[in-house]
């Protein structure tokens, strides 16, 4: 017996709708995987920037303390620049720290401005600044 023409058309029409459903499901799954991957990449980038910010804060603190110590040794200290290589900062490509010391007013004070940039050679670096005013009279007192 030969199958009827009508039955063949019905089977072909049914398999076409199944194929469309499969393609729609694959499209949805692909969209979900793409969204999840993009979210993970953004999260990873954010963690990296937060890590650089924390390292910059630590460098700012160290540089400010260094400047206060140098001003205590010599009131003529005007500042300096540090270029730290990747070997000095494991996990980073290096950093640049600038210390600028100026007078803050007529009294015996100094304004210390510290800027840290990580990495030093990047197109879009993380850059942080800190400004501190120090009284010279307090540096030379025996209490500190």
Foldseek 3Di string as FASTA:
>chain_A
DDDDPVVVVVVVVVVVVVVVVVVVVVVVVVVVVVVVVVVVVVVVVVVVLVVQVVVQVVVQVVQVVVVLVVCLVPVPDAWDKDWAACVNPPPFRTKIKTWGWDDDDPAQKIKIKIKMWTPPPDPDTDIDMDIDIGHNVVSPDPVD
